[in-house]
Protein backbone atom coordinates (compact mmCIF):
# COMPACT_ATOMS: atom_id res chain seq x y z
CA UNK A 1 -157.22 -205.67 180.24
CA UNK A 2 -155.42 -202.39 180.72
CA UNK A 3 -152.49 -202.38 183.12
CA UNK A 4 -151.11 -199.12 184.43
CA UNK A 5 -147.41 -198.89 184.97
CA UNK A 6 -146.31 -197.51 188.27
CA UNK A 7 -143.33 -195.24 188.72
CA UNK A 8 -141.47 -198.09 190.46
CA UNK A 9 -141.93 -200.32 187.41
CA UNK A 10 -140.73 -197.57 185.09
CA UNK A 11 -137.63 -196.89 187.20
CA UNK A 12 -136.82 -200.64 187.34
CA UNK A 13 -137.10 -200.83 183.55
CA UNK A 14 -134.82 -197.79 183.16
CA UNK A 15 -132.26 -199.34 185.53
CA UNK A 16 -132.29 -202.57 183.53
CA UNK A 17 -131.86 -200.69 180.27
CA UNK A 18 -128.96 -198.67 181.72
CA UNK A 19 -127.29 -201.81 183.08
CA UNK A 20 -127.64 -203.48 179.68
CA UNK A 21 -126.14 -200.44 177.95
CA UNK A 22 -123.22 -200.30 180.41
CA UNK A 23 -122.53 -204.02 179.94
CA UNK A 24 -122.67 -203.65 176.15
CA UNK A 25 -120.21 -200.74 176.21
CA UNK A 26 -117.87 -202.60 178.57
CA UNK A 27 -117.99 -205.68 176.35
CA UNK A 28 -117.24 -203.59 173.26
CA UNK A 29 -114.27 -201.97 175.04
CA UNK A 30 -112.87 -205.35 176.11
CA UNK A 31 -113.22 -206.69 172.55
CA UNK A 32 -111.51 -203.61 171.10
CA UNK A 33 -108.60 -203.86 173.56
CA UNK A 34 -108.23 -207.58 172.86
CA UNK A 35 -108.18 -206.97 169.11
CA UNK A 36 -105.50 -204.29 169.44
CA UNK A 37 -103.37 -206.54 171.64
CA UNK A 38 -103.70 -209.42 169.17
CA UNK A 39 -102.72 -207.18 166.24
CA UNK A 40 -99.66 -205.88 168.09
CA UNK A 41 -98.63 -209.43 168.95
CA UNK A 42 -98.98 -210.52 165.32
CA UNK A 43 -96.84 -207.59 164.13
CA UNK A 44 -94.12 -208.50 166.64
CA UNK A 45 -94.20 -212.14 165.53
CA UNK A 46 -93.98 -211.00 161.91
CA UNK A 47 -90.90 -208.92 162.73
CA UNK A 48 -89.26 -211.93 164.41
CA UNK A 49 -90.06 -214.13 161.40
CA UNK A 50 -88.54 -211.61 159.00
CA UNK A 51 -85.40 -211.35 161.14
CA UNK A 52 -85.05 -215.15 161.15
CA UNK A 53 -85.57 -215.28 157.38
CA UNK A 54 -82.86 -212.64 156.85
CA UNK A 55 -80.39 -214.49 159.07
CA UNK A 56 -81.19 -217.82 157.39
CA UNK A 57 -80.62 -216.27 153.96
CA UNK A 58 -77.35 -214.70 155.14
CA UNK A 59 -76.13 -218.07 156.43
CA UNK A 60 -77.13 -219.74 153.16
CA UNK A 61 -75.19 -217.05 151.30
CA UNK A 62 -72.18 -217.66 153.53
CA UNK A 63 -72.35 -221.40 152.89
CA UNK A 64 -72.56 -220.93 149.11
CA UNK A 65 -70.29 -217.91 148.54
CA UNK A 66 -67.93 -218.26 151.50
CA UNK A 67 -68.79 -214.92 153.13
CA UNK A 68 -71.76 -213.11 154.59
CA UNK A 69 -73.40 -210.60 152.25
CA UNK A 70 -72.45 -206.95 152.61
CA UNK A 71 -75.99 -205.70 152.05
CA UNK A 72 -79.60 -206.74 152.41
CA UNK A 73 -80.15 -205.93 148.75
CA UNK A 74 -77.82 -208.80 147.76
CA UNK A 75 -80.04 -211.24 149.67
CA UNK A 76 -83.16 -209.83 148.03
CA UNK A 77 -81.68 -209.99 144.53
CA UNK A 78 -79.78 -213.29 144.65
CA UNK A 79 -81.57 -215.42 147.26
CA UNK A 80 -85.23 -214.56 146.75
CA UNK A 81 -85.69 -212.84 150.09
CA UNK A 82 -88.88 -210.72 150.04
CA UNK A 83 -89.44 -208.08 152.70
CA UNK A 84 -92.39 -205.72 152.96
CA UNK A 85 -90.51 -202.48 153.53
CA UNK A 86 -93.80 -200.59 153.92
CA UNK A 87 -94.68 -202.62 157.03
CA UNK A 88 -91.25 -203.11 158.63
CA UNK A 89 -88.07 -201.11 159.16
CA UNK A 90 -85.03 -203.34 158.65
CA UNK A 91 -81.52 -202.46 159.79
CA UNK A 92 -78.83 -204.73 158.35
CA UNK A 93 -75.24 -204.11 159.44
CA UNK A 94 -72.42 -206.28 158.17
CA UNK A 95 -69.18 -205.79 160.11
CA UNK A 96 -66.93 -208.18 158.20
CA UNK A 97 -67.22 -211.01 155.68
CA UNK A 98 -66.73 -213.68 158.34
CA UNK A 99 -68.97 -212.20 161.08
CA UNK A 100 -72.72 -212.77 161.25
CA UNK A 101 -74.46 -209.49 160.38
CA UNK A 102 -76.54 -207.59 162.91
CA UNK A 103 -80.21 -207.54 161.95
CA UNK A 104 -82.95 -205.48 163.62
CA UNK A 105 -86.55 -205.56 162.35
CA UNK A 106 -89.12 -203.18 163.78
CA UNK A 107 -92.79 -202.90 162.75
CA UNK A 108 -93.81 -199.45 161.52
């Protein structure tokens, strides 16, 4: 049996399709924002982990050698510290042999 569609039925169908499209776009935007926030949070946690690893290695160096290292390169060469310099900017400032160095790690 042939059923003719009225203009009211067509407009209801269009409204449903538009509402579905708007919901899909909104859902995609929320997912994209959530993903970006999660990635930023992971990068910040990575920077904090690297900073803690540097300070732990510096304290181990102080315990073994009797003084804090003068450079980050000494920790990388002698204590097996591995830092991804392409992903993070590391500032290591040693004031004196008996003072804990200042370490700042920032994601690129």
